[in-house]
Each structure stands twice: as C-alpha cells, then as structure tokens.
Amino acid sequence: MGIRINLDVMMARRKISLGDLAEQIGITQANLSILKTEKAKAVRFSTLEKICKELGCQPGDILEYEADEKNEND
C-alpha cells in the first residue's frame, strides 16, 4: 500500500470541514481534497506543518506507512 493519509480521520475527530480547514491553512479546497483522498503524489512540509498546527496533531497522526504484502517477502 505504501503511505496512507489519514487526514479525513483527523478532520472528523476535530469536527472540521474540508472548506474550513482549507481556508484556515490557506490552500484551495481542491488541493486539500487531493490530499484527503490519497491522490497526492507529494505534500510540502509547510503544508503538513499548517495542517498539524490547525488540527493540533503530529505528522504521524496524518501519515502512516503500510507495507505491501508482496514487498514483505523480499
């Protein structure tokens, strides 16, 4: 699987909408949605920092590594 993004989980815990979070951290809803739906290829550290500051969490609360089953046997 690789890197899993748990932004939707953290947003639900903090009871904040996509639009509100996007506005508070200064990025577009479209870009935040790409990150939330795990379609992003990269995330800037500055964006991750703003998200963590706003949600009161750590980067590890948002980003999670999941090993691929086929790679575990290598």
C-alpha atoms as a PDB file:
ATOM      1  CA  MET A   1       0.000   0.000   0.000  1.00  0.00           C
ATOM      2  CA  GLY A   2       2.770   2.492   0.827  1.00  0.00           C
ATOM      3  CA  ILE A   3       1.910   5.757   2.559  1.00  0.00           C
ATOM      4  CA  ARG A   4      -1.652   6.100   3.814  1.00  0.00           C
ATOM      5  CA  ILE A   5      -3.115   9.540   4.524  1.00  0.00           C
ATOM      6  CA  ASN A   6      -5.469   9.726   7.496  1.00  0.00           C
ATOM      7  CA  LEU A   7      -6.445  13.372   7.087  1.00  0.00           C
ATOM      8  CA  ASP A   8     -10.149  12.529   6.925  1.00  0.00           C
ATOM      9  CA  VAL A   9      -9.891  10.713  10.281  1.00  0.00           C
ATOM     10  CA  MET A  10      -8.198  13.677  11.968  1.00  0.00           C
ATOM     11  CA  MET A  11     -10.685  16.115  10.473  1.00  0.00           C
ATOM     12  CA  ALA A  12     -13.583  14.019  11.774  1.00  0.00           C
ATOM     13  CA  ARG A  13     -12.030  13.856  15.253  1.00  0.00           C
ATOM     14  CA  ARG A  14     -11.640  17.643  15.283  1.00  0.00           C
ATOM     15  CA  LYS A  15     -15.076  18.154  13.691  1.00  0.00           C
ATOM     16  CA  ILE A  16     -13.764  20.452  10.981  1.00  0.00           C
ATOM     17  CA  SER A  17     -14.925  20.578   7.382  1.00  0.00           C
ATOM     18  CA  LEU A  18     -12.717  20.474   4.317  1.00  0.00           C
ATOM     19  CA  GLY A  19     -13.672  24.041   3.434  1.00  0.00           C
ATOM     20  CA  ASP A  20     -12.954  25.386   6.914  1.00  0.00           C
ATOM     21  CA  LEU A  21      -9.573  23.656   7.140  1.00  0.00           C
ATOM     22  CA  ALA A  22      -8.578  24.786   3.649  1.00  0.00           C
ATOM     23  CA  GLU A  23      -9.454  28.375   4.497  1.00  0.00           C
ATOM     24  CA  GLN A  24      -7.636  28.296   7.837  1.00  0.00           C
ATOM     25  CA  ILE A  25      -4.390  26.929   6.376  1.00  0.00           C
ATOM     26  CA  GLY A  26      -4.534  28.972   3.167  1.00  0.00           C
ATOM     27  CA  ILE A  27      -4.820  26.354   0.426  1.00  0.00           C
ATOM     28  CA  THR A  28      -7.592  25.583  -2.017  1.00  0.00           C
ATOM     29  CA  GLN A  29     -10.297  23.060  -1.203  1.00  0.00           C
ATOM     30  CA  ALA A  30      -9.343  21.201  -4.390  1.00  0.00           C
ATOM     31  CA  ASN A  31      -5.727  20.749  -3.268  1.00  0.00           C
ATOM     32  CA  LEU A  32      -6.746  19.704   0.235  1.00  0.00           C
ATOM     33  CA  SER A  33      -9.249  17.253  -1.251  1.00  0.00           C
ATOM     34  CA  ILE A  34      -6.491  15.667  -3.355  1.00  0.00           C
ATOM     35  CA  LEU A  35      -4.501  15.100  -0.180  1.00  0.00           C
ATOM     36  CA  LYS A  36      -7.518  13.865   1.778  1.00  0.00           C
ATOM     37  CA  THR A  37      -8.488  11.313  -0.876  1.00  0.00           C
ATOM     38  CA  GLU A  38      -4.925   9.959  -1.052  1.00  0.00           C
ATOM     39  CA  LYS A  39      -4.431  11.072  -4.665  1.00  0.00           C
ATOM     40  CA  ALA A  40      -1.497  13.379  -3.848  1.00  0.00           C
ATOM     41  CA  LYS A  41       1.954  12.334  -5.031  1.00  0.00           C
ATOM     42  CA  ALA A  42       3.685  14.668  -2.555  1.00  0.00           C
ATOM     43  CA  VAL A  43       2.984  17.072   0.288  1.00  0.00           C
ATOM     44  CA  ARG A  44       5.024  20.127   1.198  1.00  0.00           C
ATOM     45  CA  PHE A  45       6.384  20.183   4.717  1.00  0.00           C
ATOM     46  CA  SER A  46       4.996  23.712   5.109  1.00  0.00           C
ATOM     47  CA  THR A  47       1.501  22.437   4.256  1.00  0.00           C
ATOM     48  CA  LEU A  48       1.857  19.477   6.603  1.00  0.00           C
ATOM     49  CA  GLU A  49       3.031  21.838   9.342  1.00  0.00           C
ATOM     50  CA  LYS A  50      -0.018  24.098   8.870  1.00  0.00           C
ATOM     51  CA  ILE A  51      -2.379  21.116   8.923  1.00  0.00           C
ATOM     52  CA  CYS A  52      -0.810  19.750  12.107  1.00  0.00           C
ATOM     53  CA  LYS A  53      -0.898  23.163  13.778  1.00  0.00           C
ATOM     54  CA  GLU A  54      -4.570  23.678  12.900  1.00  0.00           C
ATOM     55  CA  LEU A  55      -5.650  20.158  13.895  1.00  0.00           C
ATOM     56  CA  GLY A  56      -3.401  20.008  16.965  1.00  0.00           C
ATOM     57  CA  CYS A  57      -1.745  16.764  15.893  1.00  0.00           C
ATOM     58  CA  GLN A  58       1.560  15.243  14.818  1.00  0.00           C
ATOM     59  CA  PRO A  59       2.555  14.324  11.233  1.00  0.00           C
ATOM     60  CA  GLY A  60       2.366  10.647  12.248  1.00  0.00           C
ATOM     61  CA  ASP A  61      -1.328  11.134  13.039  1.00  0.00           C
ATOM     62  CA  ILE A  62      -1.898  12.017   9.387  1.00  0.00           C
ATOM     63  CA  LEU A  63       0.713   9.919   7.550  1.00  0.00           C
ATOM     64  CA  GLU A  64       1.018   6.172   8.059  1.00  0.00           C
ATOM     65  CA  TYR A  65       3.209   3.582   6.349  1.00  0.00           C
ATOM     66  CA  GLU A  66       1.659   0.277   5.296  1.00  0.00           C
ATOM     67  CA  ALA A  67       3.926  -2.346   3.775  1.00  0.00           C
ATOM     68  CA  ASP A  68       2.845  -4.092   0.605  1.00  0.00           C
ATOM     69  CA  GLU A  69       2.289  -7.812   1.127  1.00  0.00           C
ATOM     70  CA  LYS A  70       4.430  -8.683  -1.904  1.00  0.00           C
ATOM     71  CA  ASN A  71       7.305  -6.495  -0.639  1.00  0.00           C
ATOM     72  CA  GLU A  72       7.311  -8.100   2.800  1.00  0.00           C
ATOM     73  CA  ASN A  73       8.646 -11.331   1.269  1.00  0.00           C
ATOM     74  CA  ASP A  74      11.648  -9.609  -0.407  1.00  0.00           C
END
